[in-house]
Protein backbone atom coordinates (compact mmCIF):
# COMPACT_ATOMS: atom_id res chain seq x y z
CA MET A 1 -36.21 -22.10 60.16
CA THR A 2 -38.43 -25.00 60.99
CA ASP A 3 -41.74 -24.53 62.77
CA THR A 4 -41.25 -27.66 64.92
CA PRO A 5 -41.83 -26.87 68.63
CA GLN A 6 -38.49 -26.16 70.30
CA ARG A 7 -39.12 -28.63 73.13
CA ASP A 8 -38.74 -31.45 70.57
CA PRO A 9 -35.16 -32.36 69.64
CA TYR A 10 -34.17 -32.18 66.00
CA LEU A 11 -33.64 -35.68 64.60
CA LEU A 12 -30.43 -35.81 62.57
CA THR A 13 -31.15 -39.40 61.61
CA PRO A 14 -32.09 -41.24 58.39
CA GLY A 15 -35.76 -41.49 59.43
CA PRO A 16 -37.90 -41.14 61.40
CA LEU A 17 -36.97 -37.50 61.08
CA THR A 18 -38.09 -34.02 62.03
CA THR A 19 -41.34 -33.18 60.26
CA SER A 20 -43.09 -29.87 59.73
CA LEU A 21 -45.82 -28.68 62.06
CA THR A 22 -48.32 -28.90 59.20
CA VAL A 23 -47.48 -32.57 58.61
CA LYS A 24 -48.06 -33.22 62.32
CA GLN A 25 -51.34 -31.30 62.21
CA ALA A 26 -52.56 -33.45 59.30
CA MET A 27 -52.80 -36.34 61.78
CA LEU A 28 -55.36 -34.57 63.97
CA ARG A 29 -58.31 -35.66 61.84
CA ASP A 30 -59.86 -39.13 62.01
CA TRP A 31 -60.57 -40.91 58.72
CA GLY A 32 -62.79 -43.80 57.80
CA SER A 33 -60.62 -46.40 56.14
CA TRP A 34 -63.31 -47.26 53.57
CA ASP A 35 -64.53 -43.70 53.08
CA GLY A 36 -64.46 -42.24 49.60
CA ASP A 37 -62.45 -39.18 50.65
CA PHE A 38 -59.74 -41.37 52.16
CA ASN A 39 -59.66 -43.60 49.08
CA THR A 40 -59.31 -40.53 46.86
CA MET A 41 -56.36 -39.40 48.98
CA THR A 42 -54.69 -42.81 48.64
CA ALA A 43 -55.17 -42.75 44.87
CA ASP A 44 -53.68 -39.25 44.66
CA ILE A 45 -50.65 -40.34 46.68
CA CYS A 46 -50.01 -43.25 44.31
CA ASP A 47 -50.41 -41.05 41.24
CA ARG A 48 -48.03 -38.42 42.62
CA LEU A 49 -45.39 -41.04 43.42
CA LEU A 50 -45.61 -42.50 39.91
CA ALA A 51 -45.22 -39.02 38.46
CA ILE A 52 -42.15 -38.32 40.60
CA ALA A 53 -40.54 -41.51 39.22
CA ASN A 54 -41.77 -40.76 35.66
CA ALA A 55 -43.29 -44.23 35.73
CA ARG A 56 -46.98 -43.73 34.95
CA ASP A 57 -46.79 -45.51 31.59
CA THR A 58 -45.06 -48.67 32.79
CA HIS A 59 -45.43 -49.06 36.54
CA VAL A 60 -48.05 -49.08 39.27
CA CYS A 61 -47.74 -47.90 42.86
CA VAL A 62 -48.78 -50.22 45.68
CA PRO A 63 -48.73 -48.95 49.30
CA MET A 64 -48.13 -51.48 52.06
CA GLN A 65 -48.78 -51.21 55.80
CA GLY A 66 -45.82 -51.45 58.17
CA SER A 67 -42.21 -50.30 58.16
CA GLY A 68 -40.12 -50.09 55.03
CA THR A 69 -38.77 -53.59 55.63
CA PHE A 70 -42.34 -54.92 55.37
CA SER A 71 -42.53 -53.49 51.84
CA VAL A 72 -39.12 -54.90 50.95
CA GLU A 73 -40.16 -58.37 52.08
CA ALA A 74 -43.51 -58.07 50.29
CA THR A 75 -41.70 -57.13 47.07
CA LEU A 76 -39.16 -59.94 47.26
CA GLY A 77 -41.74 -62.55 48.24
CA THR A 78 -44.19 -61.55 45.51
CA LEU A 79 -41.98 -60.79 42.52
CA ILE A 80 -39.23 -63.39 42.82
CA ASP A 81 -39.95 -66.87 41.54
CA PRO A 82 -38.86 -69.39 44.21
CA ALA A 83 -36.89 -71.29 41.56
CA SER A 84 -34.87 -68.30 40.31
CA ARG A 85 -31.59 -66.98 41.69
CA THR A 86 -31.09 -63.46 43.01
CA LEU A 87 -27.89 -61.45 43.20
CA VAL A 88 -27.86 -59.15 46.23
CA LEU A 89 -25.33 -56.31 46.24
CA MET A 90 -24.26 -55.64 49.82
CA ASN A 91 -22.20 -52.93 51.47
CA GLY A 92 -23.94 -52.54 54.79
CA ALA A 93 -26.72 -53.68 57.08
CA TYR A 94 -29.60 -53.16 54.67
CA GLY A 95 -28.10 -55.22 51.86
CA GLN A 96 -27.41 -57.90 54.45
CA ARG A 97 -31.04 -57.70 55.58
CA ILE A 98 -32.24 -58.28 52.01
CA ALA A 99 -30.11 -61.41 51.76
CA ARG A 100 -31.45 -62.57 55.13
CA ILE A 101 -35.05 -62.11 53.95
CA LEU A 102 -34.37 -64.17 50.84
CA ASP A 103 -32.76 -66.89 52.95
CA ILE A 104 -35.82 -67.06 55.18
CA LEU A 105 -38.08 -67.14 52.12
CA GLU A 106 -35.92 -69.97 50.74
CA ARG A 107 -35.19 -68.07 47.54
CA PRO A 108 -31.77 -68.97 46.11
CA VAL A 109 -29.41 -66.04 46.64
CA ILE A 110 -25.82 -65.16 45.90
CA THR A 111 -24.14 -62.01 47.19
CA LEU A 112 -21.52 -59.52 46.20
CA ASP A 113 -20.35 -58.28 49.59
CA LYS A 114 -18.27 -55.10 49.41
CA GLY A 115 -17.80 -54.76 53.15
CA ASP A 116 -18.78 -51.65 55.07
CA TYR A 117 -18.06 -48.87 52.63
CA GLN A 118 -17.04 -49.92 49.11
CA PRO A 119 -19.61 -49.50 46.30
CA PRO A 120 -20.62 -52.33 43.98
CA ARG A 121 -19.64 -51.32 40.45
CA GLY A 122 -21.28 -52.03 37.15
CA ASP A 123 -18.36 -54.00 35.71
CA GLU A 124 -18.38 -56.34 38.72
CA VAL A 125 -22.09 -56.97 38.34
CA ASP A 126 -21.67 -57.50 34.61
CA ARG A 127 -19.06 -60.24 35.15
CA ILE A 128 -21.28 -62.06 37.64
CA LEU A 129 -24.34 -61.92 35.36
CA ARG A 130 -22.29 -63.00 32.35
CA ASP A 131 -20.91 -66.01 34.19
CA ASP A 132 -24.18 -67.08 35.83
CA PRO A 133 -27.22 -67.05 33.53
CA SER A 134 -29.37 -68.56 36.28
CA ILE A 135 -29.49 -65.17 38.03
CA ARG A 136 -32.79 -63.57 37.09
CA GLN A 137 -32.76 -60.44 39.27
CA VAL A 138 -30.40 -58.08 41.07
CA VAL A 139 -31.22 -56.21 44.28
CA VAL A 140 -29.33 -53.07 45.36
CA VAL A 141 -29.71 -50.47 48.11
CA HIS A 142 -29.81 -46.96 46.64
CA CYS A 143 -28.37 -45.24 49.71
CA GLU A 144 -26.82 -47.57 52.28
CA THR A 145 -27.27 -45.62 55.48
CA SER A 146 -24.92 -47.89 57.45
CA SER A 147 -22.11 -45.80 55.97
CA GLY A 148 -23.98 -43.06 54.11
CA ILE A 149 -22.78 -44.24 50.72
CA GLN A 150 -24.81 -43.46 47.62
CA ASN A 151 -24.46 -46.53 45.43
CA PRO A 152 -24.06 -46.17 41.64
CA VAL A 153 -27.48 -47.49 40.69
CA GLU A 154 -27.35 -45.96 37.21
CA GLU A 155 -24.45 -48.12 36.04
CA ILE A 156 -25.93 -51.18 37.73
CA ALA A 157 -29.29 -50.58 36.03
CA ALA A 158 -27.57 -50.24 32.65
CA VAL A 159 -25.85 -53.61 33.11
CA CYS A 160 -29.09 -55.30 34.18
CA LYS A 161 -30.89 -53.95 31.14
CA GLN A 162 -28.11 -55.07 28.80
CA ARG A 163 -28.09 -58.57 30.34
CA GLY A 164 -31.88 -58.84 30.41
CA ARG A 165 -32.19 -59.14 34.21
CA ASP A 166 -34.66 -57.50 36.54
CA LEU A 167 -33.47 -54.82 38.97
CA ILE A 168 -35.07 -54.21 42.36
CA ILE A 169 -33.96 -51.02 44.12
CA ASP A 170 -34.31 -50.51 47.85
CA SER A 171 -34.54 -46.70 47.76
CA MET A 172 -35.84 -46.44 51.29
CA SER A 173 -33.57 -43.52 52.18
CA GLY A 174 -33.17 -42.07 48.71
CA PHE A 175 -36.43 -41.71 46.79
CA GLY A 176 -37.81 -38.21 47.02
CA ALA A 177 -34.37 -36.57 47.04
CA LEU A 178 -32.24 -38.72 44.72
CA PRO A 179 -33.49 -38.49 41.12
CA VAL A 180 -35.32 -41.53 39.76
CA ASP A 181 -36.59 -41.59 36.17
CA ALA A 182 -38.00 -44.88 34.95
CA ALA A 183 -37.34 -43.84 31.35
CA THR A 184 -33.58 -43.60 31.91
CA LEU A 185 -33.12 -45.76 35.03
CA PRO A 186 -34.74 -49.06 34.12
CA PHE A 187 -36.00 -50.91 37.18
CA THR A 188 -38.56 -53.61 37.85
CA ALA A 189 -39.41 -52.37 41.34
CA LEU A 190 -38.40 -49.55 43.64
CA VAL A 191 -39.26 -49.68 47.35
CA SER A 192 -39.43 -46.72 49.72
CA SER A 193 -41.35 -45.50 52.76
CA ALA A 194 -43.26 -42.53 54.10
CA ASN A 195 -40.81 -41.36 56.74
CA LYS A 196 -37.70 -40.61 54.72
CA CYS A 197 -37.02 -37.98 52.06
CA PHE A 198 -40.69 -37.09 51.63
CA GLU A 199 -40.66 -36.12 55.33
CA GLY A 200 -43.75 -38.00 56.43
CA VAL A 201 -44.08 -40.15 59.53
CA PRO A 202 -43.55 -43.92 59.95
CA GLY A 203 -46.35 -46.37 59.25
CA PHE A 204 -46.33 -47.52 55.64
CA GLY A 205 -44.10 -48.12 52.66
CA PHE A 206 -44.80 -48.29 48.96
CA VAL A 207 -43.57 -50.10 45.88
CA ILE A 208 -43.35 -48.68 42.38
CA VAL A 209 -43.39 -51.82 40.27
CA ARG A 210 -43.67 -52.71 36.61
CA GLU A 211 -47.27 -53.62 35.96
CA ASP A 212 -46.44 -56.57 33.71
CA ARG A 213 -44.13 -58.13 36.32
CA LEU A 214 -46.69 -57.68 39.07
CA ALA A 215 -49.48 -59.10 36.90
CA ASP A 216 -47.41 -62.26 36.44
CA SER A 217 -46.93 -62.81 40.17
CA GLU A 218 -50.38 -64.03 41.21
CA GLY A 219 -50.21 -66.74 43.86
CA ARG A 220 -46.45 -66.45 44.35
CA SER A 221 -46.32 -64.65 47.69
CA HIS A 222 -45.28 -66.51 50.81
CA SER A 223 -47.67 -64.45 52.93
CA LEU A 224 -51.31 -63.42 53.07
CA SER A 225 -50.76 -59.94 54.48
CA MET A 226 -47.61 -59.22 52.46
CA ASP A 227 -48.98 -60.29 49.09
CA LEU A 228 -48.21 -57.29 46.91
CA TYR A 229 -50.24 -58.71 44.03
CA ASP A 230 -53.38 -59.12 46.14
CA GLN A 231 -52.94 -55.65 47.63
CA TRP A 232 -52.76 -54.19 44.11
CA ARG A 233 -55.73 -56.12 42.73
CA TYR A 234 -57.88 -55.29 45.73
CA MET A 235 -57.07 -51.60 45.42
CA GLN A 236 -57.80 -51.72 41.71
CA ARG A 237 -61.16 -53.30 42.33
CA THR A 238 -62.33 -51.32 45.38
CA GLY A 239 -60.06 -48.31 45.79
CA GLN A 240 -59.42 -49.50 49.34
CA TRP A 241 -56.53 -51.04 51.27
CA ARG A 242 -57.10 -54.77 51.91
CA TYR A 243 -56.63 -54.47 55.65
CA THR A 244 -56.81 -51.55 58.06
CA PRO A 245 -54.53 -48.78 56.76
CA PRO A 246 -52.60 -46.32 58.98
CA THR A 247 -55.10 -43.58 58.17
CA HIS A 248 -53.45 -40.74 60.10
CA VAL A 249 -50.04 -41.60 58.64
CA VAL A 250 -51.48 -41.62 55.12
CA ALA A 251 -53.01 -38.18 55.68
CA ALA A 252 -49.69 -36.87 56.99
CA PHE A 253 -47.90 -38.29 53.95
CA HIS A 254 -50.35 -36.60 51.59
CA GLN A 255 -49.57 -33.29 53.27
CA ALA A 256 -45.84 -34.07 53.09
CA LEU A 257 -46.14 -34.74 49.35
CA CYS A 258 -47.79 -31.35 48.87
CA GLU A 259 -44.95 -29.69 50.77
CA HIS A 260 -42.40 -31.67 48.75
CA GLN A 261 -43.92 -30.25 45.56
CA THR A 262 -43.94 -26.72 46.99
CA GLU A 263 -40.23 -26.98 47.80
CA GLY A 264 -39.50 -27.81 44.17
CA GLY A 265 -39.95 -31.56 44.13
CA VAL A 266 -36.93 -33.82 43.95
CA ALA A 267 -34.63 -31.06 42.69
CA GLY A 268 -35.59 -28.68 45.49
CA ARG A 269 -35.33 -31.31 48.20
CA LEU A 270 -31.96 -32.52 46.88
CA THR A 271 -30.60 -28.97 46.82
CA ARG A 272 -31.41 -28.43 50.49
CA TYR A 273 -30.11 -31.82 51.57
CA ARG A 274 -26.85 -31.30 49.68
CA ARG A 275 -26.46 -27.90 51.29
CA ASN A 276 -27.04 -29.48 54.70
CA ARG A 277 -24.44 -32.16 53.96
CA ASP A 278 -21.82 -29.74 52.65
CA ARG A 279 -22.29 -27.35 55.56
CA LEU A 280 -22.16 -30.23 58.05
CA VAL A 281 -19.07 -31.88 56.56
CA ALA A 282 -17.17 -28.60 56.29
CA GLY A 283 -17.96 -27.76 59.91
CA MET A 284 -17.09 -31.20 61.21
CA ARG A 285 -13.78 -31.19 59.36
CA GLU A 286 -12.97 -27.84 60.94
CA LEU A 287 -13.51 -29.55 64.30
CA GLY A 288 -11.07 -32.29 63.23
CA PHE A 289 -13.55 -35.08 62.47
CA GLN A 290 -12.94 -37.28 59.43
CA THR A 291 -15.59 -38.72 57.16
CA LEU A 292 -15.52 -42.44 56.44
CA LEU A 293 -16.09 -41.78 52.74
CA ALA A 294 -14.38 -39.52 50.28
CA ASP A 295 -16.50 -36.75 48.84
CA ALA A 296 -17.28 -38.69 45.65
CA TRP A 297 -19.39 -41.18 47.62
CA LEU A 298 -20.99 -38.98 50.27
CA SER A 299 -24.76 -39.13 49.99
CA PRO A 300 -26.94 -36.13 50.90
CA ILE A 301 -28.86 -38.39 53.29
CA ILE A 302 -26.52 -39.23 56.19
CA VAL A 303 -22.77 -38.94 56.81
CA THR A 304 -20.57 -41.31 58.82
CA PHE A 305 -17.81 -39.69 60.89
CA LEU A 306 -14.96 -41.65 62.45
CA SER A 307 -14.59 -41.39 66.20
CA PRO A 308 -11.49 -39.51 67.37
CA ASP A 309 -8.59 -41.34 68.98
CA HIS A 310 -8.98 -40.02 72.49
CA ALA A 311 -9.35 -41.92 75.74
CA GLY A 312 -12.09 -39.55 76.85
CA PHE A 313 -14.33 -40.11 73.85
CA ASP A 314 -17.37 -42.11 74.90
CA PHE A 315 -20.21 -42.16 72.39
CA THR A 316 -22.99 -42.45 74.97
CA ARG A 317 -21.78 -39.36 76.85
CA PHE A 318 -21.11 -37.57 73.56
CA TYR A 319 -24.63 -38.42 72.35
CA ASN A 320 -26.36 -37.39 75.57
CA THR A 321 -24.53 -34.08 75.75
CA ILE A 322 -25.59 -33.27 72.21
CA LYS A 323 -29.16 -34.39 72.93
CA ASP A 324 -29.24 -32.04 75.93
CA GLN A 325 -28.67 -29.25 73.40
CA GLY A 326 -31.69 -30.36 71.36
CA PHE A 327 -30.21 -32.69 68.72
CA VAL A 328 -30.42 -36.46 68.25
CA ILE A 329 -27.66 -38.09 66.17
CA TYR A 330 -27.13 -41.74 65.27
CA PRO A 331 -24.67 -44.38 66.48
CA GLY A 332 -22.26 -46.02 64.07
CA LYS A 333 -23.00 -49.30 62.32
CA LEU A 334 -19.57 -50.26 61.02
CA THR A 335 -17.48 -53.33 61.76
CA VAL A 336 -14.18 -51.78 60.61
CA ALA A 337 -13.97 -48.67 62.79
CA GLU A 338 -15.62 -46.77 65.64
CA SER A 339 -17.95 -44.19 64.17
CA PHE A 340 -21.18 -42.22 64.47
CA ARG A 341 -23.62 -40.82 61.94
CA ILE A 342 -25.35 -37.50 61.40
CA GLY A 343 -28.34 -37.17 59.09
CA CYS A 344 -29.00 -34.35 56.63
CA ILE A 345 -32.68 -34.99 55.90
CA GLY A 346 -35.92 -33.81 57.44
CA GLN A 347 -36.85 -30.27 58.41
CA LEU A 348 -33.24 -29.12 58.77
CA HIS A 349 -31.84 -25.86 57.47
CA ASP A 350 -28.71 -23.74 57.91
CA ALA A 351 -29.65 -22.69 61.44
CA GLN A 352 -30.02 -26.28 62.65
CA ILE A 353 -26.77 -27.43 61.01
CA ASP A 354 -24.86 -24.53 62.53
CA ALA A 355 -26.42 -25.19 65.93
CA VAL A 356 -25.58 -28.90 65.95
CA LEU A 357 -21.96 -28.06 65.10
CA ILE A 358 -21.86 -25.78 68.13
CA ALA A 359 -23.39 -28.58 70.23
CA ILE A 360 -20.78 -31.07 68.99
CA ALA A 361 -17.94 -28.70 69.79
CA GLY A 362 -19.39 -28.23 73.25
CA ALA A 363 -19.72 -31.97 73.74
CA CYS A 364 -16.04 -32.42 72.89
CA ARG A 365 -15.05 -29.78 75.44
CA SER A 366 -17.24 -31.46 78.06
CA LEU A 367 -15.28 -34.68 77.43
CA ASP A 368 -11.97 -32.76 77.75
CA ILE A 369 -11.15 -33.37 74.09
CA ALA A 370 -9.21 -30.47 72.61
CA LEU A 371 -10.27 -29.08 69.24
CA PRO A 372 -9.51 -29.99 66.57
CA VAL A 373 -10.05 -33.55 67.76
CA PRO A 374 -7.28 -36.11 67.20
CA ALA A 375 -7.46 -38.30 64.11
CA PRO A 376 -9.05 -41.75 64.40
CA ALA A 377 -6.74 -44.51 65.56
CA ALA A 378 -7.06 -46.87 62.61
CA ALA A 379 -9.25 -45.52 59.87
CA PRO A 380 -9.92 -47.69 56.83
CA ASP A 381 -8.63 -46.37 53.52
CA ASN A 382 -11.17 -43.83 52.38
CA LEU A 383 -12.73 -44.01 48.94
CA MET A 384 -10.53 -41.51 47.18
CA THR A 385 -11.57 -42.18 43.62
CA ALA A 386 -14.90 -42.01 41.82
């Protein structure tokens, strides 16, 4: 059972999410941004993150102020040579955002667009890289929260290694729960943020990046504040962030990392999130709701459910009724079907999953929708094979 005050709704979203009381309390102290104690805390955070990715020997960790997208843009703008081509693998809003960033940065980009819910596969990527030697790097989203799909990054990484191309992973909603081992999952850079699976609060992201690639990127960034190379060099030289860091957020993240370790690290966090997902999906299916994805592709981060075919179903009323019971869910982000999403991450346990299922059943009754709810009107073909 979480120790979050009951007056706060539980956030069943992909981040920001429900944090522990002790993470919240870590923000009650003020820190000097150039103080030695704060710099020691920043260094410990970076070292812990490298250890979690088994990347201490090859990579460095660079934190970056702002939302996760700031860190994604900083990574793309710093690492990618303006003359090289990038293959972006897209199956949702966040892959599309990466391609948009590259367009704005005037970096040549080609895309493999799989629509709303199909995964990019290694053999597809291999054919594209084989036929186009001008592509120097591939970018993929680890968990595309538009649909909740967990993309097969392992097979994509294997192809990139075989073809001698760099791989950049947007693991914003995955790192901390989905296993990442730099020794067996070769990547040039992995980007994530404080307010996802490590259960911190929003305010900064971080990049785990190969030191040799970062060392070669001096002067390449399009931006002063988003220059990942300069941020790294300045931290190396002084131990400090270049510009004012989100000190309270950093302190909360340090506490969250300690709690992550206490829970059993990645393995412990993944076990709880999978349990949340399985309990949620089983309960929702009993109520008649269908998942967008087949079980093989369901991530333990967030699940997309198709809206029932009923004239009385209105998402805003459905959402508000559930919120009145103390739970915040997420609207859908698909173009192919009406849907909504429910997250599995954050300080959620059996009691919260069971309670949100009761709230959802009650919301259906308040909308005069009989249970089990009717099937969706025109669902896309689910992913029935691995």
